[in-house]
PDB file of N, CA and C in Angstrom:
ATOM      1  N   UNK A   1       0.889  -1.327   0.119  1.00  0.00           N
ATOM      2  CA  UNK A   1       0.007  -0.068  -0.068  1.00  0.00           C
ATOM      3  C   UNK A   1       0.833   1.168  -0.023  1.00  0.00           C
ATOM      4  N   UNK A   2       0.453   2.158  -1.010  1.00  0.00           N
ATOM      5  CA  UNK A   2       1.377   3.457  -1.091  1.00  0.00           C
ATOM      6  C   UNK A   2       0.269   4.629  -0.607  1.00  0.00           C
ATOM      7  N   UNK A   3       1.008   5.468   0.355  1.00  0.00           N
ATOM      8  CA  UNK A   3       0.123   6.456   0.772  1.00  0.00           C
ATOM      9  C   UNK A   3       0.934   7.849   0.629  1.00  0.00           C
ATOM     10  N   UNK A   4       0.183   8.907  -0.065  1.00  0.00           N
ATOM     11  CA  UNK A   4       0.927  10.356  -0.251  1.00  0.00           C
ATOM     12  C   UNK A   4       0.152  11.228   0.681  1.00  0.00           C
ATOM     13  N   UNK A   5       1.006  12.097   1.380  1.00  0.00           N
ATOM     14  CA  UNK A   5       0.477  13.208   2.118  1.00  0.00           C
ATOM     15  C   UNK A   5       0.819  14.281   1.300  1.00  0.00           C
ATOM     16  N   UNK A   6      -0.345  14.881   0.918  1.00  0.00           N
ATOM     17  CA  UNK A   6      -0.115  16.184  -0.031  1.00  0.00           C
ATOM     18  C   UNK A   6      -0.822  17.500   0.548  1.00  0.00           C
ATOM     19  N   UNK A   7      -0.129  18.713   0.467  1.00  0.00           N
ATOM     20  CA  UNK A   7      -0.563  19.850   0.648  1.00  0.00           C
ATOM     21  C   UNK A   7      -0.025  20.957   0.243  1.00  0.00           C
ATOM     22  N   UNK A   8      -0.504  22.140   0.178  1.00  0.00           N
ATOM     23  CA  UNK A   8       0.102  23.360  -0.175  1.00  0.00           C
ATOM     24  C   UNK A   8       0.554  24.220   0.963  1.00  0.00           C
ATOM     25  N   UNK A   9       1.677  24.616   0.853  1.00  0.00           N
ATOM     26  CA  UNK A   9       2.027  25.491   1.925  1.00  0.00           C
ATOM     27  C   UNK A   9       2.749  24.969   3.006  1.00  0.00           C
ATOM     28  N   UNK A  10       3.500  25.622   3.789  1.00  0.00           N
ATOM     29  CA  UNK A  10       4.477  25.550   5.014  1.00  0.00           C
ATOM     30  C   UNK A  10       3.473  25.512   6.219  1.00  0.00           C
ATOM     31  N   UNK A  11       3.812  24.511   7.096  1.00  0.00           N
ATOM     32  CA  UNK A  11       3.141  24.631   8.402  1.00  0.00           C
ATOM     33  C   UNK A  11       1.764  24.303   8.607  1.00  0.00           C
ATOM     34  N   UNK A  12       1.334  23.476   7.500  1.00  0.00           N
ATOM     35  CA  UNK A  12      -0.222  22.967   7.605  1.00  0.00           C
ATOM     36  C   UNK A  12      -0.442  21.680   8.213  1.00  0.00           C
ATOM     37  N   UNK A  13       0.757  20.908   8.569  1.00  0.00           N
ATOM     38  CA  UNK A  13       0.651  19.694   9.260  1.00  0.00           C
ATOM     39  C   UNK A  13       0.987  18.271   8.509  1.00  0.00           C
ATOM     40  N   UNK A  14       1.485  18.522   7.248  1.00  0.00           N
ATOM     41  CA  UNK A  14       1.956  17.339   6.514  1.00  0.00           C
ATOM     42  C   UNK A  14       2.899  16.447   7.403  1.00  0.00           C
ATOM     43  N   UNK A  15       3.976  17.051   7.874  1.00  0.00           N
ATOM     44  CA  UNK A  15       4.873  16.216   8.572  1.00  0.00           C
ATOM     45  C   UNK A  15       4.394  15.542   9.719  1.00  0.00           C
ATOM     46  N   UNK A  16       3.471  16.165  10.601  1.00  0.00           N
ATOM     47  CA  UNK A  16       2.909  15.622  11.645  1.00  0.00           C
ATOM     48  C   UNK A  16       1.850  14.435  11.225  1.00  0.00           C
ATOM     49  N   UNK A  17       0.948  14.779  10.355  1.00  0.00           N
ATOM     50  CA  UNK A  17       0.256  13.682   9.798  1.00  0.00           C
ATOM     51  C   UNK A  17       1.016  12.528   9.154  1.00  0.00           C
ATOM     52  N   UNK A  18       2.091  12.759   8.558  1.00  0.00           N
ATOM     53  CA  UNK A  18       3.081  11.468   8.229  1.00  0.00           C
ATOM     54  C   UNK A  18       3.595  10.868   9.226  1.00  0.00           C
ATOM     55  N   UNK A  19       3.977  11.575  10.267  1.00  0.00           N
ATOM     56  CA  UNK A  19       4.435  10.808  11.534  1.00  0.00           C
ATOM     57  C   UNK A  19       3.428  10.037  12.114  1.00  0.00           C
ATOM     58  N   UNK A  20       2.098  10.361  12.196  1.00  0.00           N
ATOM     59  CA  UNK A  20       1.070   9.874  12.870  1.00  0.00           C
ATOM     60  C   UNK A  20       0.814   8.432  12.068  1.00  0.00           C
ATOM     61  N   UNK A  21       0.686   8.676  10.712  1.00  0.00           N
ATOM     62  CA  UNK A  21       0.602   7.355   9.933  1.00  0.00           C
ATOM     63  C   UNK A  21       1.700   6.490  10.125  1.00  0.00           C
ATOM     64  N   UNK A  22       2.974   6.814   9.956  1.00  0.00           N
ATOM     65  CA  UNK A  22       3.961   5.870  10.163  1.00  0.00           C
ATOM     66  C   UNK A  22       4.056   5.435  11.448  1.00  0.00           C
ATOM     67  N   UNK A  23       3.725   5.827  12.668  1.00  0.00           N
ATOM     68  CA  UNK A  23       3.517   5.534  13.906  1.00  0.00           C
ATOM     69  C   UNK A  23       2.371   4.357  13.921  1.00  0.00           C
ATOM     70  N   UNK A  24       1.506   4.691  13.508  1.00  0.00           N
ATOM     71  CA  UNK A  24       0.241   3.858  13.479  1.00  0.00           C
ATOM     72  C   UNK A  24       0.422   2.676  12.685  1.00  0.00           C
ATOM     73  N   UNK A  25       0.753   2.678  11.675  1.00  0.00           N
ATOM     74  CA  UNK A  25       0.847   1.336  10.600  1.00  0.00           C
ATOM     75  C   UNK A  25       2.356   0.845  10.522  1.00  0.00           C
ATOM     76  N   UNK A  26       3.375   1.466  10.962  1.00  0.00           N
ATOM     77  CA  UNK A  26       4.559   1.155  10.856  1.00  0.00           C
ATOM     78  C   UNK A  26       5.132   1.406   9.491  1.00  0.00           C
ATOM     79  N   UNK A  27       4.596   2.239   8.904  1.00  0.00           N
ATOM     80  CA  UNK A  27       4.972   2.778   7.396  1.00  0.00           C
ATOM     81  C   UNK A  27       6.287   3.316   7.352  1.00  0.00           C
ATOM     82  N   UNK A  28       7.092   3.146   6.168  1.00  0.00           N
ATOM     83  CA  UNK A  28       8.474   3.804   5.924  1.00  0.00           C
ATOM     84  C   UNK A  28       7.775   5.417   5.694  1.00  0.00           C
ATOM     85  N   UNK A  29       8.715   6.182   5.823  1.00  0.00           N
ATOM     86  CA  UNK A  29       8.824   7.715   5.523  1.00  0.00           C
ATOM     87  C   UNK A  29      10.016   7.998   4.485  1.00  0.00           C
ATOM     88  N   UNK A  30       9.383   8.779   3.431  1.00  0.00           N
ATOM     89  CA  UNK A  30      10.104   9.231   2.493  1.00  0.00           C
ATOM     90  C   UNK A  30       9.680  10.646   1.804  1.00  0.00           C
ATOM     91  N   UNK A  31      10.511  11.660   2.230  1.00  0.00           N
ATOM     92  CA  UNK A  31      10.260  12.919   1.460  1.00  0.00           C
ATOM     93  C   UNK A  31      11.041  13.245   0.401  1.00  0.00           C
ATOM     94  N   UNK A  32      10.580  12.955  -0.644  1.00  0.00           N
ATOM     95  CA  UNK A  32      11.753  13.190  -2.061  1.00  0.00           C
ATOM     96  C   UNK A  32      12.494  14.318  -2.132  1.00  0.00           C
ATOM     97  N   UNK A  33      11.737  15.639  -1.899  1.00  0.00           N
ATOM     98  CA  UNK A  33      12.280  16.690  -2.048  1.00  0.00           C
ATOM     99  C   UNK A  33      12.420  17.695  -0.574  1.00  0.00           C
ATOM    100  N   UNK A  34      13.463  17.920   0.041  1.00  0.00           N
ATOM    101  CA  UNK A  34      13.436  18.793   1.079  1.00  0.00           C
ATOM    102  C   UNK A  34      13.812  20.273   0.722  1.00  0.00           C
ATOM    103  N   UNK A  35      13.038  21.072   0.860  1.00  0.00           N
ATOM    104  CA  UNK A  35      13.119  22.666   0.857  1.00  0.00           C
ATOM    105  C   UNK A  35      13.278  23.202   2.189  1.00  0.00           C
ATOM    106  N   UNK A  36      14.086  24.339   2.164  1.00  0.00           N
ATOM    107  CA  UNK A  36      14.120  24.984   3.469  1.00  0.00           C
ATOM    108  C   UNK A  36      15.218  24.526   4.302  1.00  0.00           C
ATOM    109  N   UNK A  37      15.097  24.514   5.478  1.00  0.00           N
ATOM    110  CA  UNK A  37      16.287  24.343   6.606  1.00  0.00           C
ATOM    111  C   UNK A  37      16.748  22.849   6.204  1.00  0.00           C
ATOM    112  N   UNK A  38      18.134  22.549   6.036  1.00  0.00           N
ATOM    113  CA  UNK A  38      18.690  21.587   6.112  1.00  0.00           C
ATOM    114  C   UNK A  38      19.362  20.914   7.574  1.00  0.00           C
ATOM    115  N   UNK A  39      19.171  21.871   8.425  1.00  0.00           N
ATOM    116  CA  UNK A  39      19.594  21.600   9.722  1.00  0.00           C
ATOM    117  C   UNK A  39      18.770  20.870  10.444  1.00  0.00           C
ATOM    118  N   UNK A  40      17.356  21.097  10.280  1.00  0.00           N
ATOM    119  CA  UNK A  40      16.419  20.023  11.055  1.00  0.00           C
ATOM    120  C   UNK A  40      15.346  20.029   9.851  1.00  0.00           C
ATOM    121  N   UNK A  41      15.556  18.775   9.239  1.00  0.00           N
ATOM    122  CA  UNK A  41      14.547  18.601   7.970  1.00  0.00           C
ATOM    123  C   UNK A  41      13.283  17.793   8.439  1.00  0.00           C
ATOM    124  N   UNK A  42      12.372  17.693   7.697  1.00  0.00           N
ATOM    125  CA  UNK A  42      11.199  16.923   8.054  1.00  0.00           C
ATOM    126  C   UNK A  42      11.273  15.591   8.501  1.00  0.00           C
ATOM    127  N   UNK A  43      12.309  15.034   7.730  1.00  0.00           N
ATOM    128  CA  UNK A  43      12.734  13.597   8.184  1.00  0.00           C
ATOM    129  C   UNK A  43      13.143  13.395   9.646  1.00  0.00           C
ATOM    130  N   UNK A  44      14.043  14.409  10.075  1.00  0.00           N
ATOM    131  CA  UNK A  44      14.490  14.509  11.430  1.00  0.00           C
ATOM    132  C   UNK A  44      13.204  14.607  12.417  1.00  0.00           C
ATOM    133  N   UNK A  45      12.393  15.503  11.956  1.00  0.00           N
ATOM    134  CA  UNK A  45      11.291  15.691  12.756  1.00  0.00           C
ATOM    135  C   UNK A  45      10.491  14.361  13.064  1.00  0.00           C
ATOM    136  N   UNK A  46      10.090  13.849  11.635  1.00  0.00           N
ATOM    137  CA  UNK A  46       9.397  12.547  11.797  1.00  0.00           C
ATOM    138  C   UNK A  46      10.113  11.499  12.925  1.00  0.00           C
ATOM    139  N   UNK A  47      11.249  11.443  12.646  1.00  0.00           N
ATOM    140  CA  UNK A  47      12.260  10.485  13.448  1.00  0.00           C
ATOM    141  C   UNK A  47      11.822  10.802  14.996  1.00  0.00           C
ATOM    142  N   UNK A  48      11.983  12.173  15.343  1.00  0.00           N
ATOM    143  CA  UNK A  48      11.757  12.424  16.662  1.00  0.00           C
ATOM    144  C   UNK A  48      10.232  12.290  17.344  1.00  0.00           C
ATOM    145  N   UNK A  49       9.504  12.158  16.236  1.00  0.00           N
ATOM    146  CA  UNK A  49       7.815  12.068  16.693  1.00  0.00           C
ATOM    147  C   UNK A  49       7.604  10.574  16.928  1.00  0.00           C
ATOM    148  N   UNK A  50       8.199   9.697  16.118  1.00  0.00           N
ATOM    149  CA  UNK A  50       7.792   8.021  16.063  1.00  0.00           C
ATOM    150  C   UNK A  50       8.608   7.250  17.317  1.00  0.00           C
ATOM    151  N   UNK A  51       7.977   6.466  17.619  1.00  0.00           N
ATOM    152  CA  UNK A  51       8.457   5.498  18.760  1.00  0.00           C
ATOM    153  C   UNK A  51       8.585   4.115  18.221  1.00  0.00           C
ATOM    154  N   UNK A  52       8.039   3.695  16.983  1.00  0.00           N
ATOM    155  CA  UNK A  52       8.239   2.262  16.707  1.00  0.00           C
ATOM    156  C   UNK A  52       9.481   2.050  15.939  1.00  0.00           C
ATOM    157  N   UNK A  53       9.744   0.623  16.055  1.00  0.00           N
ATOM    158  CA  UNK A  53      11.151   0.352  15.477  1.00  0.00           C
ATOM    159  C   UNK A  53      10.975  -0.033  14.054  1.00  0.00           C
ATOM    160  N   UNK A  54       9.781  -0.190  13.442  1.00  0.00           N
ATOM    161  CA  UNK A  54       9.814  -0.701  12.157  1.00  0.00           C
ATOM    162  C   UNK A  54       9.871   0.348  10.931  1.00  0.00           C
ATOM    163  N   UNK A  55       9.494   1.649  11.220  1.00  0.00           N
ATOM    164  CA  UNK A  55       9.635   2.588  10.245  1.00  0.00           C
ATOM    165  C   UNK A  55      11.095   2.813   9.854  1.00  0.00           C
ATOM    166  N   UNK A  56      11.268   2.935   8.713  1.00  0.00           N
ATOM    167  CA  UNK A  56      12.608   3.344   8.015  1.00  0.00           C
ATOM    168  C   UNK A  56      12.128   4.541   7.339  1.00  0.00           C
ATOM    169  N   UNK A  57      13.113   5.509   7.774  1.00  0.00           N
ATOM    170  CA  UNK A  57      13.152   6.937   7.237  1.00  0.00           C
ATOM    171  C   UNK A  57      14.246   6.982   6.132  1.00  0.00           C
ATOM    172  N   UNK A  58      13.701   7.188   4.975  1.00  0.00           N
ATOM    173  CA  UNK A  58      14.638   7.228   3.802  1.00  0.00           C
ATOM    174  C   UNK A  58      15.091   8.561   3.432  1.00  0.00           C
ATOM    175  N   UNK A  59      16.375   8.609   3.052  1.00  0.00           N
ATOM    176  CA  UNK A  59      16.968   9.854   2.595  1.00  0.00           C
ATOM    177  C   UNK A  59      16.363  10.545   1.359  1.00  0.00           C
ATOM    178  N   UNK A  60      16.316  11.853   1.480  1.00  0.00           N
ATOM    179  CA  UNK A  60      15.737  12.650   0.314  1.00  0.00           C
ATOM    180  C   UNK A  60      16.526  12.474  -0.838  1.00  0.00           C
ATOM    181  N   UNK A  61      15.769  12.584  -2.061  1.00  0.00           N
ATOM    182  CA  UNK A  61      16.286  12.526  -3.289  1.00  0.00           C
ATOM    183  C   UNK A  61      17.079  13.858  -3.706  1.00  0.00           C
ATOM    184  N   UNK A  62      16.464  15.182  -3.227  1.00  0.00           N
ATOM    185  CA  UNK A  62      16.966  16.282  -3.516  1.00  0.00           C
ATOM    186  C   UNK A  62      16.795  17.098  -2.209  1.00  0.00           C
ATOM    187  N   UNK A  63      17.824  17.977  -1.808  1.00  0.00           N
ATOM    188  CA  UNK A  63      17.947  18.828  -0.737  1.00  0.00           C
ATOM    189  C   UNK A  63      18.181  20.303  -1.304  1.00  0.00           C
ATOM    190  N   UNK A  64      17.279  21.166  -1.172  1.00  0.00           N
ATOM    191  CA  UNK A  64      17.415  22.468  -1.826  1.00  0.00           C
ATOM    192  C   UNK A  64      17.665  23.722  -0.600  1.00  0.00           C
TER     193      UNK A  64
END
């Protein structure tokens, strides 16, 4: 099963929604393009929010 979290604009909850889904079903997380801060990425935030040991957080394909 593939799930895509899509939304327009910053700060509307895409990262938190992704973390909730990853936590609930043990899904992997991948954000193909990271724009903005590279010091604390959305992948870093998801990693901090989840507690399960099955979710794999994949590296972004592009970092802008």
